Amino acid sequence: WQQLIEAVAEQCRTSVFRTLKTALPPGWLGQRKAGRSLGSRRQLWLEL
């Protein structure tokens, strides 16, 4: 997968890190926001 990122970076004349940041999902790299982890994720449940 890294070879793909490097090829795109070369085609677009930009850095591998900038391309990587674009490719990865938002919020995965960078400053970590406070909040629950995925393991403690909750959802609303409806019942009649």
ModelCIF file with pLDDT and N, C-alpha, C, O atoms, coordinates in Angstrom:
data_MODEL
#
_entry.id   MODEL 
#
_entity.id                         1 
_entity.type                       polymer 
_entity.pdbx_number_of_molecules   1 
#
_entity_poly.entity_id                      1 
_entity_poly.type                           'polypeptide(L)' 
_entity_poly.nstd_linkage                   no 
_entity_poly.nstd_monomer                   no 
_entity_poly.pdbx_seq_one_letter_code       WQQLIEAVAEQCRTSVFRTLKTALPPGWLGQRKAGRSLGSRRQLWLEL 
_entity_poly.pdbx_seq_one_letter_code_can   WQQLIEAVAEQCRTSVFRTLKTALPPGWLGQRKAGRSLGSRRQLWLEL 
_entity_poly.pdbx_strand_id                 A 
#
loop_
_entity_poly_seq.entity_id 
_entity_poly_seq.num 
_entity_poly_seq.mon_id 
_entity_poly_seq.hetero 
1 1  TRP n 
1 2  GLN n 
1 3  GLN n 
1 4  LEU n 
1 5  ILE n 
1 6  GLU n 
1 7  ALA n 
1 8  VAL n 
1 9  ALA n 
1 10 GLU n 
1 11 GLN n 
1 12 CYS n 
1 13 ARG n 
1 14 THR n 
1 15 SER n 
1 16 VAL n 
1 17 PHE n 
1 18 ARG n 
1 19 THR n 
1 20 LEU n 
1 21 LYS n 
1 22 THR n 
1 23 ALA n 
1 24 LEU n 
1 25 PRO n 
1 26 PRO n 
1 27 GLY n 
1 28 TRP n 
1 29 LEU n 
1 30 GLY n 
1 31 GLN n 
1 32 ARG n 
1 33 LYS n 
1 34 ALA n 
1 35 GLY n 
1 36 ARG n 
1 37 SER n 
1 38 LEU n 
1 39 GLY n 
1 40 SER n 
1 41 ARG n 
1 42 ARG n 
1 43 GLN n 
1 44 LEU n 
1 45 TRP n 
1 46 LEU n 
1 47 GLU n 
1 48 LEU n 
#
_struct_asym.id          A 
_struct_asym.entity_id   1 
#
loop_
_ma_qa_metric.id 
_ma_qa_metric.mode 
_ma_qa_metric.name 
_ma_qa_metric.software_group_id 
_ma_qa_metric.type 
1 global pLDDT . pLDDT 
2 local  pLDDT . pLDDT 
#
_ma_qa_metric_global.metric_id      1 
_ma_qa_metric_global.metric_value   79.73 
_ma_qa_metric_global.model_id       1 
_ma_qa_metric_global.ordinal_id     1 
#
loop_
_ma_qa_metric_local.label_asym_id 
_ma_qa_metric_local.label_comp_id 
_ma_qa_metric_local.label_seq_id 
_ma_qa_metric_local.metric_id 
_ma_qa_metric_local.metric_value 
_ma_qa_metric_local.model_id 
_ma_qa_metric_local.ordinal_id 
A TRP 1  2 90.00 1 1  
A GLN 2  2 89.00 1 2  
A GLN 3  2 92.00 1 3  
A LEU 4  2 94.00 1 4  
A ILE 5  2 94.00 1 5  
A GLU 6  2 93.00 1 6  
A ALA 7  2 95.00 1 7  
A VAL 8  2 96.00 1 8  
A ALA 9  2 95.00 1 9  
A GLU 10 2 94.00 1 10 
A GLN 11 2 94.00 1 11 
A CYS 12 2 95.00 1 12 
A ARG 13 2 94.00 1 13 
A THR 14 2 93.00 1 14 
A SER 15 2 90.00 1 15 
A VAL 16 2 89.00 1 16 
A PHE 17 2 87.00 1 17 
A ARG 18 2 89.00 1 18 
A THR 19 2 92.00 1 19 
A LEU 20 2 90.00 1 20 
A LYS 21 2 88.00 1 21 
A THR 22 2 91.00 1 22 
A ALA 23 2 93.00 1 23 
A LEU 24 2 91.00 1 24 
A PRO 25 2 90.00 1 25 
A PRO 26 2 86.00 1 26 
A GLY 27 2 77.00 1 27 
A TRP 28 2 84.00 1 28 
A LEU 29 2 83.00 1 29 
A GLY 30 2 82.00 1 30 
A GLN 31 2 77.00 1 31 
A ARG 32 2 69.00 1 32 
A LYS 33 2 62.00 1 33 
A ALA 34 2 49.00 1 34 
A GLY 35 2 45.00 1 35 
A ARG 36 2 42.00 1 36 
A SER 37 2 45.00 1 37 
A LEU 38 2 42.00 1 38 
A GLY 39 2 40.00 1 39 
A SER 40 2 43.00 1 40 
A ARG 41 2 54.00 1 41 
A ARG 42 2 60.00 1 42 
A GLN 43 2 72.00 1 43 
A LEU 44 2 82.00 1 44 
A TRP 45 2 81.00 1 45 
A LEU 46 2 86.00 1 46 
A GLU 47 2 84.00 1 47 
A LEU 48 2 84.00 1 48 
#
loop_
_atom_site.group_PDB 
_atom_site.id 
_atom_site.type_symbol 
_atom_site.label_atom_id 
_atom_site.label_alt_id 
_atom_site.label_comp_id 
_atom_site.label_asym_id 
_atom_site.label_entity_id 
_atom_site.label_seq_id 
_atom_site.pdbx_PDB_ins_code 
_atom_site.Cartn_x 
_atom_site.Cartn_y 
_atom_site.Cartn_z 
_atom_site.occupancy 
_atom_site.B_iso_or_equiv 
_atom_site.pdbx_formal_charge 
_atom_site.auth_seq_id 
_atom_site.auth_comp_id 
_atom_site.auth_asym_id 
_atom_site.auth_atom_id 
_atom_site.pdbx_PDB_model_num 
ATOM 1   N N  . TRP A 1 1  ? 0.847   -1.199 0.000   1.00 90.00 ? 1  TRP A N  1 
ATOM 2   C CA . TRP A 1 1  ? 0.000   0.000  0.000   1.00 90.00 ? 1  TRP A CA 1 
ATOM 3   C C  . TRP A 1 1  ? 0.879   1.245  0.000   1.00 90.00 ? 1  TRP A C  1 
ATOM 4   O O  . TRP A 1 1  ? 0.533   2.252  -0.618  1.00 90.00 ? 1  TRP A O  1 
ATOM 5   N N  . GLN A 1 2  ? 2.022   1.179  0.695   1.00 89.00 ? 2  GLN A N  1 
ATOM 6   C CA . GLN A 1 2  ? 2.926   2.324  0.724   1.00 89.00 ? 2  GLN A CA 1 
ATOM 7   C C  . GLN A 1 2  ? 3.471   2.628  -0.670  1.00 89.00 ? 2  GLN A C  1 
ATOM 8   O O  . GLN A 1 2  ? 3.681   3.792  -1.011  1.00 89.00 ? 2  GLN A O  1 
ATOM 9   N N  . GLN A 1 3  ? 3.703   1.592  -1.479  1.00 92.00 ? 3  GLN A N  1 
ATOM 10  C CA . GLN A 1 3  ? 4.183   1.815  -2.849  1.00 92.00 ? 3  GLN A CA 1 
ATOM 11  C C  . GLN A 1 3  ? 3.154   2.601  -3.663  1.00 92.00 ? 3  GLN A C  1 
ATOM 12  O O  . GLN A 1 3  ? 3.524   3.433  -4.492  1.00 92.00 ? 3  GLN A O  1 
ATOM 13  N N  . LEU A 1 4  ? 1.854   2.339  -3.429  1.00 94.00 ? 4  LEU A N  1 
ATOM 14  C CA . LEU A 1 4  ? 0.805   3.114  -4.099  1.00 94.00 ? 4  LEU A CA 1 
ATOM 15  C C  . LEU A 1 4  ? 0.889   4.580  -3.683  1.00 94.00 ? 4  LEU A C  1 
ATOM 16  O O  . LEU A 1 4  ? 0.818   5.471  -4.530  1.00 94.00 ? 4  LEU A O  1 
ATOM 17  N N  . ILE A 1 5  ? 1.038   4.834  -2.383  1.00 94.00 ? 5  ILE A N  1 
ATOM 18  C CA . ILE A 1 5  ? 1.116   6.200  -1.878  1.00 94.00 ? 5  ILE A CA 1 
ATOM 19  C C  . ILE A 1 5  ? 2.318   6.923  -2.479  1.00 94.00 ? 5  ILE A C  1 
ATOM 20  O O  . ILE A 1 5  ? 2.219   8.091  -2.856  1.00 94.00 ? 5  ILE A O  1 
ATOM 21  N N  . GLU A 1 6  ? 3.443   6.236  -2.567  1.00 93.00 ? 6  GLU A N  1 
ATOM 22  C CA . GLU A 1 6  ? 4.643   6.850  -3.134  1.00 93.00 ? 6  GLU A CA 1 
ATOM 23  C C  . GLU A 1 6  ? 4.456   7.159  -4.617  1.00 93.00 ? 6  GLU A C  1 
ATOM 24  O O  . GLU A 1 6  ? 4.923   8.191  -5.097  1.00 93.00 ? 6  GLU A O  1 
ATOM 25  N N  . ALA A 1 7  ? 3.773   6.268  -5.349  1.00 95.00 ? 7  ALA A N  1 
ATOM 26  C CA . ALA A 1 7  ? 3.536   6.506  -6.778  1.00 95.00 ? 7  ALA A CA 1 
ATOM 27  C C  . ALA A 1 7  ? 2.617   7.706  -6.988  1.00 95.00 ? 7  ALA A C  1 
ATOM 28  O O  . ALA A 1 7  ? 2.854   8.522  -7.878  1.00 95.00 ? 7  ALA A O  1 
ATOM 29  N N  . VAL A 1 8  ? 1.571   7.815  -6.171  1.00 96.00 ? 8  VAL A N  1 
ATOM 30  C CA . VAL A 1 8  ? 0.661   8.964  -6.281  1.00 96.00 ? 8  VAL A CA 1 
ATOM 31  C C  . VAL A 1 8  ? 1.393   10.253 -5.928  1.00 96.00 ? 8  VAL A C  1 
ATOM 32  O O  . VAL A 1 8  ? 1.214   11.273 -6.594  1.00 96.00 ? 8  VAL A O  1 
ATOM 33  N N  . ALA A 1 9  ? 2.212   10.209 -4.888  1.00 95.00 ? 9  ALA A N  1 
ATOM 34  C CA . ALA A 1 9  ? 2.978   11.393 -4.495  1.00 95.00 ? 9  ALA A CA 1 
ATOM 35  C C  . ALA A 1 9  ? 3.898   11.843 -5.619  1.00 95.00 ? 9  ALA A C  1 
ATOM 36  O O  . ALA A 1 9  ? 4.031   13.040 -5.873  1.00 95.00 ? 9  ALA A O  1 
ATOM 37  N N  . GLU A 1 10 ? 4.532   10.895 -6.292  1.00 94.00 ? 10 GLU A N  1 
ATOM 38  C CA . GLU A 1 10 ? 5.420   11.233 -7.407  1.00 94.00 ? 10 GLU A CA 1 
ATOM 39  C C  . GLU A 1 10 ? 4.630   11.837 -8.568  1.00 94.00 ? 10 GLU A C  1 
ATOM 40  O O  . GLU A 1 10 ? 5.051   12.838 -9.147  1.00 94.00 ? 10 GLU A O  1 
ATOM 41  N N  . GLN A 1 11 ? 3.491   11.238 -8.913  1.00 94.00 ? 11 GLN A N  1 
ATOM 42  C CA . GLN A 1 11 ? 2.661   11.764 -9.999  1.00 94.00 ? 11 GLN A CA 1 
ATOM 43  C C  . GLN A 1 11 ? 2.199   13.183 -9.714  1.00 94.00 ? 11 GLN A C  1 
ATOM 44  O O  . GLN A 1 11 ? 2.161   14.025 -10.612 1.00 94.00 ? 11 GLN A O  1 
ATOM 45  N N  . CYS A 1 12 ? 1.846   13.445 -8.453  1.00 95.00 ? 12 CYS A N  1 
ATOM 46  C CA . CYS A 1 12 ? 1.267   14.741 -8.081  1.00 95.00 ? 12 CYS A CA 1 
ATOM 47  C C  . CYS A 1 12 ? 2.315   15.732 -7.583  1.00 95.00 ? 12 CYS A C  1 
ATOM 48  O O  . CYS A 1 12 ? 1.975   16.850 -7.197  1.00 95.00 ? 12 CYS A O  1 
ATOM 49  N N  . ARG A 1 13 ? 3.588   15.330 -7.590  1.00 94.00 ? 13 ARG A N  1 
ATOM 50  C CA . ARG A 1 13 ? 4.691   16.206 -7.218  1.00 94.00 ? 13 ARG A CA 1 
ATOM 51  C C  . ARG A 1 13 ? 4.580   16.737 -5.791  1.00 94.00 ? 13 ARG A C  1 
ATOM 52  O O  . ARG A 1 13 ? 4.903   17.894 -5.523  1.00 94.00 ? 13 ARG A O  1 
ATOM 53  N N  . THR A 1 14 ? 4.123   15.889 -4.890  1.00 93.00 ? 14 THR A N  1 
ATOM 54  C CA . THR A 1 14 ? 4.020   16.301 -3.498  1.00 93.00 ? 14 THR A CA 1 
ATOM 55  C C  . THR A 1 14 ? 4.689   15.256 -2.617  1.00 93.00 ? 14 THR A C  1 
ATOM 56  O O  . THR A 1 14 ? 5.177   14.244 -3.119  1.00 93.00 ? 14 THR A O  1 
ATOM 57  N N  . SER A 1 15 ? 4.715   15.490 -1.321  1.00 90.00 ? 15 SER A N  1 
ATOM 58  C CA . SER A 1 15 ? 5.430   14.605 -0.411  1.00 90.00 ? 15 SER A CA 1 
ATOM 59  C C  . SER A 1 15 ? 4.629   13.339 -0.107  1.00 90.00 ? 15 SER A C  1 
ATOM 60  O O  . SER A 1 15 ? 3.404   13.313 -0.223  1.00 90.00 ? 15 SER A O  1 
ATOM 61  N N  . VAL A 1 16 ? 5.359   12.287 0.288   1.00 89.00 ? 16 VAL A N  1 
ATOM 62  C CA . VAL A 1 16 ? 4.711   11.039 0.682   1.00 89.00 ? 16 VAL A CA 1 
ATOM 63  C C  . VAL A 1 16 ? 3.842   11.272 1.911   1.00 89.00 ? 16 VAL A C  1 
ATOM 64  O O  . VAL A 1 16 ? 2.748   10.714 2.004   1.00 89.00 ? 16 VAL A O  1 
ATOM 65  N N  . PHE A 1 17 ? 4.305   12.079 2.848   1.00 87.00 ? 17 PHE A N  1 
ATOM 66  C CA . PHE A 1 17 ? 3.551   12.305 4.078   1.00 87.00 ? 17 PHE A CA 1 
ATOM 67  C C  . PHE A 1 17 ? 2.244   13.045 3.807   1.00 87.00 ? 17 PHE A C  1 
ATOM 68  O O  . PHE A 1 17 ? 1.214   12.720 4.397   1.00 87.00 ? 17 PHE A O  1 
ATOM 69  N N  . ARG A 1 18 ? 2.280   14.039 2.916   1.00 89.00 ? 18 ARG A N  1 
ATOM 70  C CA . ARG A 1 18 ? 1.042   14.755 2.577   1.00 89.00 ? 18 ARG A CA 1 
ATOM 71  C C  . ARG A 1 18 ? 0.057   13.806 1.905   1.00 89.00 ? 18 ARG A C  1 
ATOM 72  O O  . ARG A 1 18 ? -1.140  13.848 2.190   1.00 89.00 ? 18 ARG A O  1 
ATOM 73  N N  . THR A 1 19 ? 0.551   12.955 1.021   1.00 92.00 ? 19 THR A N  1 
ATOM 74  C CA . THR A 1 19 ? -0.317  11.986 0.342   1.00 92.00 ? 19 THR A CA 1 
ATOM 75  C C  . THR A 1 19 ? -0.873  10.977 1.329   1.00 92.00 ? 19 THR A C  1 
ATOM 76  O O  . THR A 1 19 ? -2.044  10.604 1.259   1.00 92.00 ? 19 THR A O  1 
ATOM 77  N N  . LEU A 1 20 ? -0.024  10.538 2.249   1.00 90.00 ? 20 LEU A N  1 
ATOM 78  C CA . LEU A 1 20 ? -0.472  9.604  3.283   1.00 90.00 ? 20 LEU A CA 1 
ATOM 79  C C  . LEU A 1 20 ? -1.581  10.209 4.125   1.00 90.00 ? 20 LEU A C  1 
ATOM 80  O O  . LEU A 1 20 ? -2.564  9.537  4.437   1.00 90.00 ? 20 LEU A O  1 
ATOM 81  N N  . LYS A 1 21 ? -1.430  11.462 4.491   1.00 88.00 ? 21 LYS A N  1 
ATOM 82  C CA . LYS A 1 21 ? -2.437  12.147 5.309   1.00 88.00 ? 21 LYS A CA 1 
ATOM 83  C C  . LYS A 1 21 ? -3.774  12.215 4.568   1.00 88.00 ? 21 LYS A C  1 
ATOM 84  O O  . LYS A 1 21 ? -4.834  12.083 5.178   1.00 88.00 ? 21 LYS A O  1 
ATOM 85  N N  . THR A 1 22 ? -3.716  12.423 3.244   1.00 91.00 ? 22 THR A N  1 
ATOM 86  C CA . THR A 1 22 ? -4.935  12.449 2.424   1.00 91.00 ? 22 THR A CA 1 
ATOM 87  C C  . THR A 1 22 ? -5.583  11.079 2.348   1.00 91.00 ? 22 THR A C  1 
ATOM 88  O O  . THR A 1 22 ? -6.808  10.959 2.388   1.00 91.00 ? 22 THR A O  1 
ATOM 89  N N  . ALA A 1 23 ? -4.756  10.048 2.239   1.00 93.00 ? 23 ALA A N  1 
ATOM 90  C CA . ALA A 1 23 ? -5.278  8.700  2.019   1.00 93.00 ? 23 ALA A CA 1 
ATOM 91  C C  . ALA A 1 23 ? -5.885  8.093  3.276   1.00 93.00 ? 23 ALA A C  1 
ATOM 92  O O  . ALA A 1 23 ? -6.919  7.428  3.203   1.00 93.00 ? 23 ALA A O  1 
ATOM 93  N N  . LEU A 1 24 ? -5.257  8.313  4.431   1.00 91.00 ? 24 LEU A N  1 
ATOM 94  C CA . LEU A 1 24 ? -5.768  7.724  5.672   1.00 91.00 ? 24 LEU A CA 1 
ATOM 95  C C  . LEU A 1 24 ? -7.067  8.397  6.102   1.00 91.00 ? 24 LEU A C  1 
ATOM 96  O O  . LEU A 1 24 ? -7.307  9.553  5.753   1.00 91.00 ? 24 LEU A O  1 
ATOM 97  N N  . PRO A 1 25 ? -7.904  7.692  6.854   1.00 90.00 ? 25 PRO A N  1 
ATOM 98  C CA . PRO A 1 25 ? -9.174  8.297  7.287   1.00 90.00 ? 25 PRO A CA 1 
ATOM 99  C C  . PRO A 1 25 ? -8.939  9.492  8.210   1.00 90.00 ? 25 PRO A C  1 
ATOM 100 O O  . PRO A 1 25 ? -7.993  9.482  8.997   1.00 90.00 ? 25 PRO A O  1 
ATOM 101 N N  . PRO A 1 26 ? -9.784  10.521 8.124   1.00 86.00 ? 26 PRO A N  1 
ATOM 102 C CA . PRO A 1 26 ? -9.621  11.697 8.983   1.00 86.00 ? 26 PRO A CA 1 
ATOM 103 C C  . PRO A 1 26 ? -9.652  11.309 10.451  1.00 86.00 ? 26 PRO A C  1 
ATOM 104 O O  . PRO A 1 26 ? -10.441 10.461 10.867  1.00 86.00 ? 26 PRO A O  1 
ATOM 105 N N  . GLY A 1 27 ? -8.783  11.940 11.227  1.00 77.00 ? 27 GLY A N  1 
ATOM 106 C CA . GLY A 1 27 ? -8.775  11.689 12.661  1.00 77.00 ? 27 GLY A CA 1 
ATOM 107 C C  . GLY A 1 27 ? -7.909  10.529 13.091  1.00 77.00 ? 27 GLY A C  1 
ATOM 108 O O  . GLY A 1 27 ? -7.763  10.279 14.287  1.00 77.00 ? 27 GLY A O  1 
ATOM 109 N N  . TRP A 1 28 ? -7.312  9.794  12.113  1.00 84.00 ? 28 TRP A N  1 
ATOM 110 C CA . TRP A 1 28 ? -6.493  8.651  12.498  1.00 84.00 ? 28 TRP A CA 1 
ATOM 111 C C  . TRP A 1 28 ? -5.070  9.062  12.798  1.00 84.00 ? 28 TRP A C  1 
ATOM 112 O O  . TRP A 1 28 ? -4.446  8.523  13.712  1.00 84.00 ? 28 TRP A O  1 
ATOM 113 N N  . LEU A 1 29 ? -4.552  10.009 12.041  1.00 83.00 ? 29 LEU A N  1 
ATOM 114 C CA . LEU A 1 29 ? -3.233  10.576 12.305  1.00 83.00 ? 29 LEU A CA 1 
ATOM 115 C C  . LEU A 1 29 ? -3.418  11.969 12.884  1.00 83.00 ? 29 LEU A C  1 
ATOM 116 O O  . LEU A 1 29 ? -4.380  12.660 12.551  1.00 83.00 ? 29 LEU A O  1 
ATOM 117 N N  . GLY A 1 30 ? -2.507  12.378 13.741  1.00 82.00 ? 30 GLY A N  1 
ATOM 118 C CA . GLY A 1 30 ? -2.565  13.737 14.268  1.00 82.00 ? 30 GLY A CA 1 
ATOM 119 C C  . GLY A 1 30 ? -2.926  13.770 15.734  1.00 82.00 ? 30 GLY A C  1 
ATOM 120 O O  . GLY A 1 30 ? -2.871  12.757 16.431  1.00 82.00 ? 30 GLY A O  1 
ATOM 121 N N  . GLN A 1 31 ? -3.300  14.969 16.195  1.00 77.00 ? 31 GLN A N  1 
ATOM 122 C CA . GLN A 1 31 ? -3.581  15.132 17.616  1.00 77.00 ? 31 GLN A CA 1 
ATOM 123 C C  . GLN A 1 31 ? -4.792  14.313 18.019  1.00 77.00 ? 31 GLN A C  1 
ATOM 124 O O  . GLN A 1 31 ? -5.817  14.330 17.339  1.00 77.00 ? 31 GLN A O  1 
ATOM 125 N N  . ARG A 1 32 ? -4.674  13.606 19.111  1.00 69.00 ? 32 ARG A N  1 
ATOM 126 C CA . ARG A 1 32 ? -5.722  12.695 19.584  1.00 69.00 ? 32 ARG A CA 1 
ATOM 127 C C  . ARG A 1 32 ? -6.734  13.470 20.399  1.00 69.00 ? 32 ARG A C  1 
ATOM 128 O O  . ARG A 1 32 ? -6.387  14.075 21.413  1.00 69.00 ? 32 ARG A O  1 
ATOM 129 N N  . LYS A 1 33 ? -7.969  13.458 19.970  1.00 62.00 ? 33 LYS A N  1 
ATOM 130 C CA . LYS A 1 33 ? -9.018  14.158 20.710  1.00 62.00 ? 33 LYS A CA 1 
ATOM 131 C C  . LYS A 1 33 ? -9.473  13.327 21.903  1.00 62.00 ? 33 LYS A C  1 
ATOM 132 O O  . LYS A 1 33 ? -9.494  12.096 21.866  1.00 62.00 ? 33 LYS A O  1 
ATOM 133 N N  . ALA A 1 34 ? -9.835  14.042 22.957  1.00 49.00 ? 34 ALA A N  1 
ATOM 134 C CA . ALA A 1 34 ? -10.366 13.337 24.130  1.00 49.00 ? 34 ALA A CA 1 
ATOM 135 C C  . ALA A 1 34 ? -11.706 12.719 23.786  1.00 49.00 ? 34 ALA A C  1 
ATOM 136 O O  . ALA A 1 34 ? -12.493 13.300 23.039  1.00 49.00 ? 34 ALA A O  1 
ATOM 137 N N  . GLY A 1 35 ? -11.960 11.559 24.323  1.00 45.00 ? 35 GLY A N  1 
ATOM 138 C CA . GLY A 1 35 ? -13.240 10.915 24.054  1.00 45.00 ? 35 GLY A CA 1 
ATOM 139 C C  . GLY A 1 35 ? -13.146 9.431  24.278  1.00 45.00 ? 35 GLY A C  1 
ATOM 140 O O  . GLY A 1 35 ? -12.076 8.915  24.599  1.00 45.00 ? 35 GLY A O  1 
ATOM 141 N N  . ARG A 1 36 ? -14.254 8.735  24.113  1.00 42.00 ? 36 ARG A N  1 
ATOM 142 C CA . ARG A 1 36 ? -14.272 7.289  24.333  1.00 42.00 ? 36 ARG A CA 1 
ATOM 143 C C  . ARG A 1 36 ? -13.549 6.585  23.205  1.00 42.00 ? 36 ARG A C  1 
ATOM 144 O O  . ARG A 1 36 ? -13.571 7.032  22.058  1.00 42.00 ? 36 ARG A O  1 
ATOM 145 N N  . SER A 1 37 ? -12.931 5.518  23.531  1.00 45.00 ? 37 SER A N  1 
ATOM 146 C CA . SER A 1 37 ? -12.294 4.691  22.508  1.00 45.00 ? 37 SER A CA 1 
ATOM 147 C C  . SER A 1 37 ? -13.364 3.893  21.786  1.00 45.00 ? 37 SER A C  1 
ATOM 148 O O  . SER A 1 37 ? -14.520 3.844  22.206  1.00 45.00 ? 37 SER A O  1 
ATOM 149 N N  . LEU A 1 38 ? -12.949 3.263  20.678  1.00 42.00 ? 38 LEU A N  1 
ATOM 150 C CA . LEU A 1 38 ? -13.914 2.485  19.893  1.00 42.00 ? 38 LEU A CA 1 
ATOM 151 C C  . LEU A 1 38 ? -14.522 1.363  20.708  1.00 42.00 ? 38 LEU A C  1 
ATOM 152 O O  . LEU A 1 38 ? -15.674 0.979  20.506  1.00 42.00 ? 38 LEU A O  1 
ATOM 153 N N  . GLY A 1 39 ? -13.707 0.828  21.658  1.00 40.00 ? 39 GLY A N  1 
ATOM 154 C CA . GLY A 1 39 ? -14.204 -0.292 22.439  1.00 40.00 ? 39 GLY A CA 1 
ATOM 155 C C  . GLY A 1 39 ? -15.340 0.092  23.356  1.00 40.00 ? 39 GLY A C  1 
ATOM 156 O O  . GLY A 1 39 ? -16.145 -0.765 23.721  1.00 40.00 ? 39 GLY A O  1 
ATOM 157 N N  . SER A 1 40 ? -15.435 1.390  23.753  1.00 43.00 ? 40 SER A N  1 
ATOM 158 C CA . SER A 1 40 ? -16.501 1.811  24.656  1.00 43.00 ? 40 SER A CA 1 
ATOM 159 C C  . SER A 1 40 ? -17.600 2.571  23.915  1.00 43.00 ? 40 SER A C  1 
ATOM 160 O O  . SER A 1 40 ? -18.405 3.270  24.529  1.00 43.00 ? 40 SER A O  1 
ATOM 161 N N  . ARG A 1 41 ? -17.623 2.426  22.588  1.00 54.00 ? 41 ARG A N  1 
ATOM 162 C CA . ARG A 1 41 ? -18.613 3.141  21.784  1.00 54.00 ? 41 ARG A CA 1 
ATOM 163 C C  . ARG A 1 41 ? -20.025 2.671  22.133  1.00 54.00 ? 41 ARG A C  1 
ATOM 164 O O  . ARG A 1 41 ? -20.260 1.483  22.353  1.00 54.00 ? 41 ARG A O  1 
ATOM 165 N N  . ARG A 1 42 ? -20.949 3.615  22.181  1.00 60.00 ? 42 ARG A N  1 
ATOM 166 C CA . ARG A 1 42 ? -22.335 3.287  22.514  1.00 60.00 ? 42 ARG A CA 1 
ATOM 167 C C  . ARG A 1 42 ? -23.247 3.826  21.419  1.00 60.00 ? 42 ARG A C  1 
ATOM 168 O O  . ARG A 1 42 ? -22.892 4.749  20.685  1.00 60.00 ? 42 ARG A O  1 
ATOM 169 N N  . GLN A 1 43 ? -24.438 3.222  21.329  1.00 72.00 ? 43 GLN A N  1 
ATOM 170 C CA . GLN A 1 43 ? -25.418 3.670  20.354  1.00 72.00 ? 43 GLN A CA 1 
ATOM 171 C C  . GLN A 1 43 ? -26.806 3.651  20.978  1.00 72.00 ? 43 GLN A C  1 
ATOM 172 O O  . GLN A 1 43 ? -27.074 2.933  21.941  1.00 72.00 ? 43 GLN A O  1 
ATOM 173 N N  . LEU A 1 44 ? -27.685 4.475  20.389  1.00 82.00 ? 44 LEU A N  1 
ATOM 174 C CA . LEU A 1 44 ? -29.050 4.567  20.911  1.00 82.00 ? 44 LEU A CA 1 
ATOM 175 C C  . LEU A 1 44 ? -29.893 3.412  20.366  1.00 82.00 ? 44 LEU A C  1 
ATOM 176 O O  . LEU A 1 44 ? -29.781 3.025  19.202  1.00 82.00 ? 44 LEU A O  1 
ATOM 177 N N  . TRP A 1 45 ? -30.738 2.879  21.244  1.00 81.00 ? 45 TRP A N  1 
ATOM 178 C CA . TRP A 1 45 ? -31.559 1.696  20.953  1.00 81.00 ? 45 TRP A CA 1 
ATOM 179 C C  . TRP A 1 45 ? -33.019 2.085  21.128  1.00 81.00 ? 45 TRP A C  1 
ATOM 180 O O  . TRP A 1 45 ? -33.387 2.656  22.155  1.00 81.00 ? 45 TRP A O  1 
ATOM 181 N N  . LEU A 1 46 ? -33.856 1.786  20.141  1.00 86.00 ? 46 LEU A N  1 
ATOM 182 C CA . LEU A 1 46 ? -35.288 2.086  20.211  1.00 86.00 ? 46 LEU A CA 1 
ATOM 183 C C  . LEU A 1 46 ? -36.079 0.793  20.390  1.00 86.00 ? 46 LEU A C  1 
ATOM 184 O O  . LEU A 1 46 ? -35.758 -0.242 19.806  1.00 86.00 ? 46 LEU A O  1 
ATOM 185 N N  . GLU A 1 47 ? -37.133 0.886  21.222  1.00 84.00 ? 47 GLU A N  1 
ATOM 186 C CA . GLU A 1 47 ? -38.034 -0.251 21.410  1.00 84.00 ? 47 GLU A CA 1 
ATOM 187 C C  . GLU A 1 47 ? -39.469 0.249  21.448  1.00 84.00 ? 47 GLU A C  1 
ATOM 188 O O  . GLU A 1 47 ? -39.745 1.352  21.918  1.00 84.00 ? 47 GLU A O  1 
ATOM 189 N N  . LEU A 1 48 ? -40.378 -0.581 20.944  1.00 84.00 ? 48 LEU A N  1 
ATOM 190 C CA . LEU A 1 48 ? -41.797 -0.266 21.105  1.00 84.00 ? 48 LEU A CA 1 
ATOM 191 C C  . LEU A 1 48 ? -42.138 -0.308 22.590  1.00 84.00 ? 48 LEU A C  1 
ATOM 192 O O  . LEU A 1 48 ? -43.287 -0.073 22.966  1.00 84.00 ? 48 LEU A O  1 
#
